[in-house]
Amino acid sequence: MSDMPSAVGAGEPSGHGLRAIAERPSRTREIYEELRLAIARRDLQPGSLYSVADLAETFGVSRTPVREALIDLAARNIIKFERNRGVRILQSSAEDLRDIFDLRLILETHAARRAAENLDEVTEAALREAFDALELATAGGDDLVYWSSDRAFHRVLVEACGNHRLSEIVEGLRDSILVKGATSSGRTRSLQTITDDHREIFEAVVGRDPDGAVTAMRKHLEQTARQLLKSEHSSP
């Protein structure tokens, strides 16, 4: 996250000569999520340059939360700043997509197996809640809500491994897919089809079936990769 000077609060200095940091407003996170979705849907085109001022005007906010959100995106290699010009959305390649999904297959099938093997009441409850949210998002048809619910479902499975570094790596890989400017939902696959994939994973994990969980996760990721690659190849 950003360490912009504007984030420093006006609290009293501590005994260490440091001052309290004000809590970041949720507006920055909202803009961050909106920008990520816009990149995924190619509302913001890969390779194109955008002005921070223009983006702030579009959102109807000051430049500060937009700049902070963009700094976070740059840290994840989704965009890059160009001095005195603005920000550029990074370009994509089919080879990058293949590499990303090769890694996700290794990490997330492992996570699905571990989740099924070691499922406890807390994780099961979190997974049920995440899947219920995914079904509600499917019915609602809102891309941003669905996307957030999808990520939450996968996050529960990965965090069930108890490996914080693994969770961070998978989150980074998912963000890297957004750089490709492609998402299978609403373009090459329906939300319901994607939810059906997740149902198979969910049922295998809560059924304590490690092999079934691996098979379902592999099927889901391979299908998603094929559709994203198809979309990438057909893009202008």
Protein backbone atom coordinates (compact mmCIF):
# COMPACT_ATOMS: atom_id res chain seq x y z
CA MET A 1 0.00 0.00 0.00
CA SER A 2 1.02 3.62 -0.50
CA ASP A 3 3.14 5.63 1.91
CA MET A 4 2.07 8.98 0.42
CA PRO A 5 2.79 11.98 2.67
CA SER A 6 -0.95 12.86 2.61
CA ALA A 7 -1.67 9.68 4.58
CA VAL A 8 0.13 11.07 7.66
CA GLY A 9 -2.33 12.05 10.33
CA ALA A 10 -2.28 15.04 12.60
CA GLY A 11 -1.95 13.04 15.82
CA GLU A 12 0.35 13.99 18.66
CA PRO A 13 4.01 12.90 18.28
CA SER A 14 4.89 9.71 20.15
CA GLY A 15 7.88 9.20 22.37
CA HIS A 16 9.72 7.83 19.33
CA GLY A 17 9.32 11.08 17.41
CA LEU A 18 6.73 9.42 15.15
CA ARG A 19 3.15 10.52 14.63
CA ALA A 20 -0.04 8.50 14.26
CA ILE A 21 -1.07 7.55 10.73
CA ALA A 22 -4.63 8.45 9.89
CA GLU A 23 -6.84 5.62 8.71
CA ARG A 24 -7.07 5.54 4.94
CA PRO A 25 -10.51 6.47 3.61
CA SER A 26 -12.54 3.69 2.02
CA ARG A 27 -12.86 5.86 -1.08
CA THR A 28 -9.32 4.90 -2.12
CA ARG A 29 -10.21 1.19 -1.91
CA GLU A 30 -13.42 1.76 -3.86
CA ILE A 31 -11.52 3.55 -6.62
CA TYR A 32 -8.87 0.82 -6.61
CA GLU A 33 -11.53 -1.86 -7.14
CA GLU A 34 -13.30 0.15 -9.83
CA LEU A 35 -10.04 0.67 -11.71
CA ARG A 36 -9.18 -3.04 -11.51
CA LEU A 37 -12.59 -3.95 -12.92
CA ALA A 38 -12.31 -1.33 -15.67
CA ILE A 39 -8.96 -2.82 -16.68
CA ALA A 40 -10.36 -6.35 -16.65
CA ARG A 41 -13.28 -5.29 -18.86
CA ARG A 42 -11.03 -3.21 -21.13
CA ASP A 43 -12.89 -0.04 -20.37
CA LEU A 44 -9.32 1.11 -19.77
CA GLN A 45 -7.34 -0.24 -22.69
CA PRO A 46 -4.02 -2.11 -22.27
CA GLY A 47 -1.16 0.00 -23.59
CA SER A 48 -3.14 3.23 -23.36
CA LEU A 49 -2.15 6.31 -21.35
CA TYR A 50 -4.53 7.97 -18.89
CA SER A 51 -4.36 11.24 -16.98
CA VAL A 52 -4.70 11.15 -13.20
CA ALA A 53 -6.67 14.41 -13.40
CA ASP A 54 -9.07 12.97 -15.99
CA LEU A 55 -9.64 9.84 -13.92
CA ALA A 56 -10.30 11.96 -10.83
CA GLU A 57 -12.81 14.04 -12.77
CA THR A 58 -14.55 10.87 -13.99
CA PHE A 59 -14.89 9.61 -10.40
CA GLY A 60 -15.89 13.05 -9.15
CA VAL A 61 -13.18 13.07 -6.48
CA SER A 62 -9.88 14.80 -5.79
CA ARG A 63 -6.66 13.48 -7.30
CA THR A 64 -5.34 12.17 -3.96
CA PRO A 65 -7.42 8.96 -3.61
CA VAL A 66 -7.03 8.26 -7.34
CA ARG A 67 -3.27 8.67 -7.13
CA GLU A 68 -3.11 6.40 -4.06
CA ALA A 69 -5.18 3.72 -5.79
CA LEU A 70 -2.92 3.95 -8.85
CA ILE A 71 0.19 3.58 -6.66
CA ASP A 72 -1.27 0.32 -5.33
CA LEU A 73 -1.98 -0.88 -8.88
CA ALA A 74 1.56 0.01 -9.94
CA ALA A 75 2.96 -2.00 -7.01
CA ARG A 76 1.14 -5.03 -8.45
CA ASN A 77 2.49 -4.34 -11.96
CA ILE A 78 -0.95 -3.61 -13.36
CA ILE A 79 -0.12 -0.06 -14.47
CA LYS A 80 2.99 2.10 -14.58
CA PHE A 81 3.49 5.82 -14.05
CA GLU A 82 5.09 7.91 -16.78
CA ARG A 83 6.55 11.18 -15.56
CA ASN A 84 4.49 14.24 -16.50
CA ARG A 85 2.27 12.10 -18.72
CA GLY A 86 0.01 9.96 -16.55
CA VAL A 87 -0.37 6.20 -16.14
CA ARG A 88 -0.21 3.47 -18.73
CA ILE A 89 -2.10 0.17 -18.54
CA LEU A 90 0.41 -2.62 -19.05
CA GLN A 91 0.22 -4.74 -22.19
CA SER A 92 -0.62 -8.43 -22.28
CA SER A 93 0.57 -11.59 -23.93
CA ALA A 94 -0.83 -15.10 -24.33
CA GLU A 95 2.45 -16.49 -23.00
CA ASP A 96 2.03 -14.53 -19.78
CA LEU A 97 -1.47 -15.94 -19.34
CA ARG A 98 -0.18 -19.49 -19.76
CA ASP A 99 2.59 -18.87 -17.24
CA ILE A 100 0.17 -17.41 -14.70
CA PHE A 101 -2.26 -20.31 -14.97
CA ASP A 102 0.54 -22.86 -14.79
CA LEU A 103 1.42 -21.37 -11.41
CA ARG A 104 -2.19 -21.10 -10.26
CA LEU A 105 -2.76 -24.76 -11.13
CA ILE A 106 0.14 -25.80 -8.93
CA LEU A 107 -0.76 -23.56 -6.00
CA GLU A 108 -4.55 -23.70 -5.98
CA THR A 109 -4.94 -27.43 -6.57
CA HIS A 110 -2.56 -27.87 -3.62
CA ALA A 111 -4.71 -25.48 -1.59
CA ALA A 112 -7.91 -27.34 -2.52
CA ARG A 113 -6.40 -30.65 -1.44
CA ARG A 114 -5.19 -29.25 1.88
CA ALA A 115 -8.56 -27.61 2.52
CA ALA A 116 -10.39 -30.91 1.97
CA GLU A 117 -7.91 -32.84 4.09
CA ASN A 118 -7.87 -30.42 7.02
CA LEU A 119 -11.33 -28.87 6.88
CA ASP A 120 -12.45 -27.57 10.26
CA GLU A 121 -15.69 -25.92 11.35
CA VAL A 122 -14.36 -22.39 10.98
CA THR A 123 -13.09 -22.91 7.44
CA GLU A 124 -16.23 -24.79 6.42
CA ALA A 125 -18.42 -21.96 7.68
CA ALA A 126 -16.29 -19.38 5.84
CA LEU A 127 -16.40 -21.42 2.65
CA ARG A 128 -20.18 -21.83 2.86
CA GLU A 129 -20.57 -18.10 3.40
CA ALA A 130 -18.31 -17.35 0.43
CA PHE A 131 -20.18 -19.73 -1.85
CA ASP A 132 -23.56 -18.33 -0.74
CA ALA A 133 -22.28 -14.84 -1.61
CA LEU A 134 -21.16 -16.13 -5.00
CA GLU A 135 -24.64 -17.50 -5.73
CA LEU A 136 -26.24 -14.20 -4.69
CA ALA A 137 -23.82 -12.31 -6.94
CA THR A 138 -24.72 -14.64 -9.80
CA ALA A 139 -28.40 -13.79 -9.39
CA GLY A 140 -27.59 -10.08 -9.13
CA GLY A 141 -25.50 -10.08 -12.29
CA ASP A 142 -23.18 -7.30 -11.07
CA ASP A 143 -19.64 -7.90 -12.38
CA LEU A 144 -17.89 -6.08 -9.55
CA VAL A 145 -19.85 -7.88 -6.82
CA TYR A 146 -19.37 -11.23 -8.55
CA TRP A 147 -15.67 -10.65 -9.06
CA SER A 148 -15.19 -9.78 -5.39
CA SER A 149 -17.17 -12.86 -4.33
CA ASP A 150 -15.15 -15.09 -6.65
CA ARG A 151 -11.89 -13.82 -5.16
CA ALA A 152 -13.25 -14.29 -1.62
CA PHE A 153 -14.14 -17.93 -2.35
CA HIS A 154 -10.66 -18.71 -3.67
CA ARG A 155 -9.08 -16.77 -0.81
CA VAL A 156 -10.81 -18.93 1.81
CA LEU A 157 -9.42 -22.08 0.19
CA VAL A 158 -5.90 -20.72 -0.06
CA GLU A 159 -5.89 -19.33 3.47
CA ALA A 160 -7.02 -22.73 4.75
CA CYS A 161 -3.44 -23.86 4.13
CA GLY A 162 -2.28 -21.49 6.86
CA ASN A 163 0.43 -20.09 4.57
CA HIS A 164 0.20 -16.30 4.39
CA ARG A 165 2.89 -16.06 1.71
CA LEU A 166 1.00 -18.51 -0.50
CA SER A 167 -2.13 -16.38 -0.16
CA GLU A 168 -0.25 -13.25 -1.20
CA ILE A 169 1.27 -14.99 -4.22
CA VAL A 170 -2.12 -16.23 -5.45
CA GLU A 171 -3.66 -12.78 -4.98
CA GLY A 172 -0.82 -11.30 -7.03
CA LEU A 173 -1.30 -13.87 -9.80
CA ARG A 174 -5.02 -13.09 -9.95
CA ASP A 175 -4.24 -9.40 -10.30
CA SER A 176 -1.74 -10.20 -13.05
CA ILE A 177 -4.58 -11.75 -15.03
CA LEU A 178 -6.37 -8.40 -14.93
CA VAL A 179 -3.38 -6.82 -16.63
CA LYS A 180 -4.25 -9.00 -19.60
CA GLY A 181 -7.43 -7.04 -19.99
CA ALA A 182 -9.49 -10.22 -20.16
CA THR A 183 -12.12 -11.79 -17.95
CA SER A 184 -14.15 -14.83 -18.86
CA SER A 185 -17.30 -13.64 -17.10
CA GLY A 186 -19.80 -11.91 -19.33
CA ARG A 187 -17.69 -12.36 -22.45
CA THR A 188 -17.05 -16.03 -23.11
CA ARG A 189 -18.77 -17.68 -20.13
CA SER A 190 -21.89 -16.86 -18.14
CA LEU A 191 -21.71 -16.14 -14.43
CA GLN A 192 -23.86 -19.21 -13.81
CA THR A 193 -21.39 -21.46 -15.65
CA ILE A 194 -18.52 -20.15 -13.54
CA THR A 195 -20.56 -20.59 -10.36
CA ASP A 196 -21.27 -24.20 -11.35
CA ASP A 197 -17.49 -24.74 -11.48
CA HIS A 198 -17.20 -23.36 -7.96
CA ARG A 199 -20.04 -25.56 -6.75
CA GLU A 200 -18.07 -28.67 -7.75
CA ILE A 201 -15.05 -27.40 -5.81
CA PHE A 202 -17.21 -26.49 -2.82
CA GLU A 203 -18.97 -29.85 -2.68
CA ALA A 204 -15.70 -31.78 -2.92
CA VAL A 205 -14.05 -29.76 -0.15
CA VAL A 206 -16.97 -29.90 2.31
CA GLY A 207 -17.33 -33.59 1.42
CA ARG A 208 -13.71 -34.10 2.61
CA ASP A 209 -12.76 -35.46 -0.84
CA PRO A 210 -9.18 -34.27 -1.55
CA ASP A 211 -8.88 -35.95 -4.96
CA GLY A 212 -12.27 -34.60 -6.00
CA ALA A 213 -11.29 -31.11 -4.84
CA VAL A 214 -8.10 -31.23 -6.91
CA THR A 215 -9.99 -32.47 -9.98
CA ALA A 216 -12.68 -29.78 -9.65
CA MET A 217 -10.15 -26.99 -9.11
CA ARG A 218 -8.04 -28.16 -12.04
CA LYS A 219 -11.10 -28.30 -14.29
CA HIS A 220 -12.14 -24.80 -13.26
CA LEU A 221 -8.73 -23.22 -13.77
CA GLU A 222 -8.05 -25.00 -17.07
CA GLN A 223 -11.44 -23.96 -18.42
CA THR A 224 -10.90 -20.37 -17.31
CA ALA A 225 -7.44 -20.33 -18.90
CA ARG A 226 -8.79 -21.65 -22.21
CA GLN A 227 -11.51 -19.02 -22.32
CA LEU A 228 -9.16 -16.17 -21.41
CA LEU A 229 -6.67 -17.28 -24.06
CA LYS A 230 -9.47 -17.50 -26.61
CA SER A 231 -10.55 -13.98 -25.69
CA GLU A 232 -6.95 -12.75 -25.85
CA HIS A 233 -6.44 -14.15 -29.34
CA SER A 234 -9.71 -12.69 -30.62
CA SER A 235 -9.02 -9.20 -29.21
CA PRO A 236 -8.17 -6.44 -31.70
